[in-house]
Amino acid sequence: MVEDCGCEDRQKKLNEMFPGKKVKMSERDAEMWERMQISVKGGRLNRSEGKVMYQIYNRTFNAAAKPCNCTGKNADMVQKLQRAYELRCES
């Protein structure tokens, strides 16, 4: 018997958190997000890090967000990406 990895539960949780969006963070994006954590926690991203964050966000949320300097928008994106990262399927 195969043990349930919880992927369905995580996907359900993501769908509840972000209704109407298809949310899926790839392993490649998860690894990139892990590497960015030091900069993100420091609250400052340089231009290239910001560009990478938007690319990860757009792939994860199937979106077309354009980079900007709006602190509120960027902080919201960081929170959403972190939730998607924490609830991704690691199998």
Protein backbone atom coordinates (compact mmCIF):
# COMPACT_ATOMS: atom_id res chain seq x y z
CA MET A 1 0.00 0.00 0.00
CA VAL A 2 1.33 3.47 -0.96
CA GLU A 3 1.37 6.05 1.79
CA ASP A 4 -0.54 9.27 1.02
CA CYS A 5 1.93 12.14 0.56
CA GLY A 6 -0.74 14.78 1.23
CA CYS A 7 -0.48 16.40 -2.20
CA GLU A 8 -4.24 16.52 -2.66
CA ASP A 9 -4.70 18.19 0.72
CA ARG A 10 -2.02 20.78 -0.06
CA GLN A 11 -3.54 21.51 -3.47
CA LYS A 12 -6.98 21.88 -1.90
CA LYS A 13 -5.56 24.33 0.65
CA LEU A 14 -3.89 26.38 -2.11
CA ASN A 15 -7.13 26.44 -4.11
CA GLU A 16 -8.99 27.72 -1.03
CA MET A 17 -6.36 30.39 -0.37
CA PHE A 18 -6.23 31.57 -3.99
CA PRO A 19 -9.68 30.88 -5.51
CA GLY A 20 -9.86 31.03 -9.29
CA LYS A 21 -6.11 30.60 -9.73
CA LYS A 22 -4.20 27.54 -10.78
CA VAL A 23 -1.34 27.50 -8.27
CA LYS A 24 1.67 25.25 -8.73
CA MET A 25 5.25 25.96 -7.76
CA SER A 26 7.73 23.85 -9.68
CA GLU A 27 10.70 22.27 -7.93
CA ARG A 28 13.01 24.55 -9.92
CA ASP A 29 11.11 27.63 -8.73
CA ALA A 30 11.04 26.26 -5.17
CA GLU A 31 14.83 25.95 -5.24
CA MET A 32 15.16 29.49 -6.61
CA TRP A 33 12.77 30.78 -3.93
CA GLU A 34 14.82 29.04 -1.22
CA ARG A 35 17.96 30.81 -2.43
CA MET A 36 16.18 34.19 -2.38
CA GLN A 37 15.00 33.86 1.23
CA ILE A 38 17.93 35.77 2.74
CA SER A 39 17.26 38.80 0.52
CA VAL A 40 13.49 38.58 0.97
CA LYS A 41 13.75 38.41 4.76
CA GLY A 42 16.05 41.41 4.70
CA GLY A 43 13.26 43.32 2.97
CA ARG A 44 15.37 44.50 0.06
CA LEU A 45 15.65 42.90 -3.34
CA ASN A 46 18.01 44.21 -5.96
CA ARG A 47 16.73 44.63 -9.51
CA SER A 48 17.77 41.16 -10.71
CA GLU A 49 16.28 39.49 -7.59
CA GLY A 50 13.04 41.39 -8.12
CA LYS A 51 12.92 40.23 -11.72
CA VAL A 52 13.43 36.61 -10.63
CA MET A 53 10.70 36.97 -7.98
CA TYR A 54 8.23 38.19 -10.60
CA GLN A 55 9.15 35.33 -12.93
CA ILE A 56 8.59 32.78 -10.14
CA TYR A 57 5.31 34.48 -9.21
CA ASN A 58 4.03 34.51 -12.79
CA ARG A 59 4.84 30.83 -13.32
CA THR A 60 3.47 29.77 -9.93
CA PHE A 61 0.19 31.69 -10.22
CA ASN A 62 -0.15 31.60 -14.02
CA ALA A 63 -0.15 35.40 -13.93
CA ALA A 64 1.29 38.26 -15.95
CA ALA A 65 2.43 40.66 -13.21
CA LYS A 66 4.91 43.32 -14.28
CA PRO A 67 7.77 44.42 -12.00
CA CYS A 68 7.24 47.64 -10.09
CA ASN A 69 8.59 49.39 -7.01
CA CYS A 70 5.29 49.28 -5.12
CA THR A 71 6.22 48.03 -1.65
CA GLY A 72 2.71 46.81 -0.84
CA LYS A 73 2.37 44.82 -4.06
CA ASN A 74 5.79 43.26 -3.65
CA ALA A 75 5.14 42.38 0.02
CA ASP A 76 1.84 40.73 -0.98
CA MET A 77 3.63 38.73 -3.67
CA VAL A 78 6.26 37.57 -1.18
CA GLN A 79 3.53 36.34 1.19
CA LYS A 80 1.71 34.48 -1.59
CA LEU A 81 4.91 32.92 -2.88
CA GLN A 82 5.87 31.81 0.61
CA ARG A 83 2.47 30.13 1.09
CA ALA A 84 2.77 28.40 -2.28
CA TYR A 85 6.30 27.31 -1.34
CA GLU A 86 5.22 25.91 2.02
CA LEU A 87 2.25 24.04 0.55
CA ARG A 88 3.93 22.65 -2.58
CA CYS A 89 4.14 18.94 -3.21
CA GLU A 90 7.70 17.74 -2.74
CA SER A 91 7.29 14.32 -4.33
